[in-house]
Structure formats: C-alpha cells, structure tokens
C-alpha atoms as a PDB file:
ATOM      1  CA  MET A   1      77.073 110.668  93.014  1.00  0.00           C
ATOM      2  CA  PRO A   2      78.379 109.646  89.155  1.00  0.00           C
ATOM      3  CA  ARG A   3      76.736 106.664  86.962  1.00  0.00           C
ATOM      4  CA  LEU A   4      78.754 104.676  85.229  1.00  0.00           C
ATOM      5  CA  LEU A   5      77.731 101.576  83.083  1.00  0.00           C
ATOM      6  CA  GLY A   6      74.167 101.590  85.545  1.00  0.00           C
ATOM      7  CA  VAL A   7      76.586 101.764  88.815  1.00  0.00           C
ATOM      8  CA  ASP A   8      76.887 104.308  91.108  1.00  0.00           C
ATOM      9  CA  ILE A   9      80.548 105.137  91.793  1.00  0.00           C
ATOM     10  CA  PRO A  10      81.131 107.097  95.051  1.00  0.00           C
ATOM     11  CA  ASN A  11      81.319 110.768  94.981  1.00  0.00           C
ATOM     12  CA  GLU A  12      84.235 111.005  97.818  1.00  0.00           C
ATOM     13  CA  LYS A  13      86.873 108.772  96.504  1.00  0.00           C
ATOM     14  CA  ARG A  14      89.542 109.031  94.352  1.00  0.00           C
ATOM     15  CA  ILE A  15      88.321 108.007  90.847  1.00  0.00           C
ATOM     16  CA  GLU A  16      90.835 104.902  90.585  1.00  0.00           C
ATOM     17  CA  ILE A  17      89.256 103.640  93.463  1.00  0.00           C
ATOM     18  CA  ALA A  18      85.767 104.440  92.369  1.00  0.00           C
ATOM     19  CA  LEU A  19      85.753 102.501  89.361  1.00  0.00           C
ATOM     20  CA  THR A  20      86.574  99.734  90.917  1.00  0.00           C
ATOM     21  CA  TYR A  21      82.830  99.304  91.917  1.00  0.00           C
ATOM     22  CA  ILE A  22      82.042  98.330  88.854  1.00  0.00           C
ATOM     23  CA  TYR A  23      82.208  94.722  88.055  1.00  0.00           C
ATOM     24  CA  GLY A  24      85.427  93.344  86.326  1.00  0.00           C
ATOM     25  CA  VAL A  25      87.239  96.979  86.972  1.00  0.00           C
ATOM     26  CA  GLY A  26      89.940  96.477  88.873  1.00  0.00           C
ATOM     27  CA  PRO A  27      92.567  98.085  90.040  1.00  0.00           C
ATOM     28  CA  ALA A  28      95.309  97.418  87.350  1.00  0.00           C
ATOM     29  CA  THR A  29      92.126  98.430  85.053  1.00  0.00           C
ATOM     30  CA  ALA A  30      90.711 101.480  86.494  1.00  0.00           C
ATOM     31  CA  GLN A  31      94.669 102.582  86.629  1.00  0.00           C
ATOM     32  CA  LYS A  32      95.296 102.002  82.336  1.00  0.00           C
ATOM     33  CA  VAL A  33      91.593 103.723  81.650  1.00  0.00           C
ATOM     34  CA  LEU A  34      92.124 106.539  83.427  1.00  0.00           C
ATOM     35  CA  LYS A  35      96.107 106.487  81.672  1.00  0.00           C
ATOM     36  CA  ASP A  36      94.574 105.949  78.164  1.00  0.00           C
ATOM     37  CA  LEU A  37      91.838 109.101  78.524  1.00  0.00           C
ATOM     38  CA  GLY A  38      94.531 111.022  80.708  1.00  0.00           C
ATOM     39  CA  ILE A  39      92.280 111.465  83.676  1.00  0.00           C
ATOM     40  CA  ASN A  40      94.085 112.164  86.399  1.00  0.00           C
ATOM     41  CA  PRO A  41      93.681 109.022  89.254  1.00  0.00           C
ATOM     42  CA  ALA A  42      93.933 111.316  91.818  1.00  0.00           C
ATOM     43  CA  VAL A  43      90.935 113.854  91.108  1.00  0.00           C
ATOM     44  CA  ARG A  44      87.715 112.475  93.123  1.00  0.00           C
ATOM     45  CA  ALA A  45      84.370 111.011  91.443  1.00  0.00           C
ATOM     46  CA  LYS A  46      82.450 114.261  91.567  1.00  0.00           C
ATOM     47  CA  ASP A  47      85.333 116.625  90.468  1.00  0.00           C
ATOM     48  CA  LEU A  48      85.120 114.566  87.018  1.00  0.00           C
ATOM     49  CA  LYS A  49      83.309 116.781  84.218  1.00  0.00           C
ATOM     50  CA  ASP A  50      80.274 115.362  82.328  1.00  0.00           C
ATOM     51  CA  ASP A  51      82.235 114.803  79.012  1.00  0.00           C
ATOM     52  CA  GLU A  52      84.938 112.825  81.236  1.00  0.00           C
ATOM     53  CA  VAL A  53      82.473 110.409  82.900  1.00  0.00           C
ATOM     54  CA  ALA A  54      80.860 109.962  79.274  1.00  0.00           C
ATOM     55  CA  ASN A  55      84.745 109.362  77.815  1.00  0.00           C
ATOM     56  CA  LEU A  56      84.927 106.571  80.595  1.00  0.00           C
ATOM     57  CA  ALA A  57      81.531 104.809  80.042  1.00  0.00           C
ATOM     58  CA  SER A  58      82.192 104.462  76.387  1.00  0.00           C
ATOM     59  CA  HIS A  59      85.613 103.213  76.802  1.00  0.00           C
ATOM     60  CA  LEU A  60      85.168 100.526  79.495  1.00  0.00           C
ATOM     61  CA  GLU A  61      81.979  99.518  77.531  1.00  0.00           C
ATOM     62  CA  LYS A  62      84.162  99.466  74.178  1.00  0.00           C
ATOM     63  CA  ASN A  63      87.339  97.744  75.135  1.00  0.00           C
ATOM     64  CA  TYR A  64      86.472  95.573  78.029  1.00  0.00           C
ATOM     65  CA  PRO A  65      83.749  93.071  79.340  1.00  0.00           C
ATOM     66  CA  VAL A  66      82.352  94.937  82.291  1.00  0.00           C
ATOM     67  CA  GLU A  67      78.745  94.681  84.240  1.00  0.00           C
ATOM     68  CA  GLY A  68      76.015  92.533  82.151  1.00  0.00           C
ATOM     69  CA  ALA A  69      78.125  91.460  79.644  1.00  0.00           C
ATOM     70  CA  LEU A  70      80.702  90.087  81.520  1.00  0.00           C
ATOM     71  CA  ARG A  71      78.004  88.360  84.091  1.00  0.00           C
ATOM     72  CA  ARG A  72      76.280  86.645  81.439  1.00  0.00           C
ATOM     73  CA  LEU A  73      79.925  85.626  79.820  1.00  0.00           C
ATOM     74  CA  THR A  74      80.525  83.980  82.959  1.00  0.00           C
ATOM     75  CA  MET A  75      77.303  81.919  83.430  1.00  0.00           C
ATOM     76  CA  GLN A  76      77.362  80.856  79.885  1.00  0.00           C
ATOM     77  CA  ASN A  77      80.841  79.620  80.198  1.00  0.00           C
ATOM     78  CA  ILE A  78      79.723  77.578  83.657  1.00  0.00           C
ATOM     79  CA  SER A  79      76.850  76.006  81.378  1.00  0.00           C
ATOM     80  CA  ARG A  80      78.909  74.914  78.404  1.00  0.00           C
ATOM     81  CA  LEU A  81      80.817  73.494  81.160  1.00  0.00           C
ATOM     82  CA  LYS A  82      77.695  71.276  82.494  1.00  0.00           C
ATOM     83  CA  GLU A  83      76.558  70.862  78.883  1.00  0.00           C
ATOM     84  CA  ILE A  84      79.676  68.812  78.020  1.00  0.00           C
ATOM     85  CA  TYR A  85      79.828  67.103  81.043  1.00  0.00           C
ATOM     86  CA  CYS A  86      83.810  67.748  81.635  1.00  0.00           C
ATOM     87  CA  TYR A  87      85.038  67.171  85.160  1.00  0.00           C
ATOM     88  CA  ARG A  88      84.822  71.120  86.570  1.00  0.00           C
ATOM     89  CA  GLY A  89      81.195  70.979  85.202  1.00  0.00           C
ATOM     90  CA  LEU A  90      80.402  68.320  87.217  1.00  0.00           C
ATOM     91  CA  ARG A  91      81.470  69.765  90.028  1.00  0.00           C
ATOM     92  CA  HIS A  92      79.502  72.869  89.498  1.00  0.00           C
ATOM     93  CA  ARG A  93      76.545  70.692  89.189  1.00  0.00           C
ATOM     94  CA  ARG A  94      77.281  69.246  92.207  1.00  0.00           C
ATOM     95  CA  GLY A  95      78.286  72.237  94.712  1.00  0.00           C
ATOM     96  CA  LEU A  96      82.106  71.271  94.961  1.00  0.00           C
ATOM     97  CA  PRO A  97      84.153  73.150  94.677  1.00  0.00           C
ATOM     98  CA  VAL A  98      85.709  73.154  91.375  1.00  0.00           C
ATOM     99  CA  ARG A  99      89.628  73.944  91.700  1.00  0.00           C
ATOM    100  CA  GLY A 100      90.872  71.189  93.155  1.00  0.00           C
ATOM    101  CA  GLN A 101      90.466  72.479  96.948  1.00  0.00           C
ATOM    102  CA  ARG A 102      90.197  69.180  99.865  1.00  0.00           C
ATOM    103  CA  THR A 103      86.672  68.574 100.947  1.00  0.00           C
ATOM    104  CA  ARG A 104      87.022  66.508 103.897  1.00  0.00           C
ATOM    105  CA  SER A 105      87.251  68.892 106.286  1.00  0.00           C
ATOM    106  CA  ASN A 106      86.689  72.383 104.355  1.00  0.00           C
ATOM    107  CA  ALA A 107      84.746  73.524 102.015  1.00  0.00           C
ATOM    108  CA  ARG A 108      81.506  74.778 104.132  1.00  0.00           C
ATOM    109  CA  GLY A 109      80.833  77.496 101.981  1.00  0.00           C
ATOM    110  CA  ARG A 110      80.650  75.758  98.634  1.00  0.00           C
ATOM    111  CA  LYS A 111      78.253  72.876 100.168  1.00  0.00           C
ATOM    112  CA  GLY A 112      76.677  74.820 102.370  1.00  0.00           C
ATOM    113  CA  PRO A 113      76.005  74.338 106.535  1.00  0.00           C
ATOM    114  CA  ARG A 114      76.848  71.002 107.651  1.00  0.00           C
ATOM    115  CA  LYS A 115      73.637  67.831 107.330  1.00  0.00           C
ATOM    116  CA  THR A 116      74.181  66.196 110.863  1.00  0.00           C
ATOM    117  CA  VAL A 117      74.126  62.148 110.440  1.00  0.00           C
ATOM    118  CA  ALA A 118      72.738  60.619 113.672  1.00  0.00           C
ATOM    119  CA  ASN A 119      73.950  57.695 114.950  1.00  0.00           C
ATOM    120  CA  LYS A 120      72.385  54.235 115.364  1.00  0.00           C
ATOM    121  CA  LYS A 121      71.452  53.295 119.048  1.00  0.00           C
ATOM    122  CA  ILE A 122      72.495  50.436 121.081  1.00  0.00           C
ATOM    123  CA  LEU A 123      69.520  47.794 121.952  1.00  0.00           C
ATOM    124  CA  ARG A 124      70.617  46.967 125.411  1.00  0.00           C
ATOM    125  CA  LYS A 125      68.569  43.773 126.304  1.00  0.00           C
END
C-alpha cells in the first residue's frame, strides 16, 4: 500500500481515485497533478514505481496545501473569525450553522440532539 503524505492510499484503485484519499485532494486536483507529472491516470496505485510515488508526494506538498497544513490553515481561519467577533465567528462559537441555513426546523447535525423541554403541569382544584 503506497504511502503519500502520511496517508495509506488503496492498492487496487486507479491512482486518480486513490489520490482523493488525501485530505485536500479532490478529483480535479488529482487529474491535474497526474497530467503535470505525466502519470497515466488508469494505472493502479500498487503498480506505481517508487520514484513516481516520491514525485507525487513532493509535487503535492510543494504546490497544494494538503493534510496537516490544510487542517491547520482551516483551524486558524476559524479561530481568527472567532477572535474578531464577526457574525460567522459568533455562529462558530455557538455551534450553529454558519452559512445562513435555517435553524427553526433543521440544523440537527450542527446543534446536536434535541433537548426536550418539559411542559408545565396544570394544577386542578
């Protein structure tokens, strides 16, 4: 199983699909990288030569933010929004949807499970 940038990519998949297992590399980026390096996208990941794997890793690391660097960059961006108290930062702080989605009937994934509030009992005389 070839290892690129700390990620084990699957042996049996085509290399253009296997590259998408790396955080920050989607189908379009994978095709572009393979075209730049002159690697056939139809070849299986297990059939890559060691020098091709090394070229892929160095090319991705040099030209694209991937894996740890991309995760760190994303977290820094979110923390910056929180620090400057902008609207999006406040939504992140409160754990609510950030991009304008409705919260009255949806957003359960962001808000977590429902917190049921008990009804008040009616006293009978």
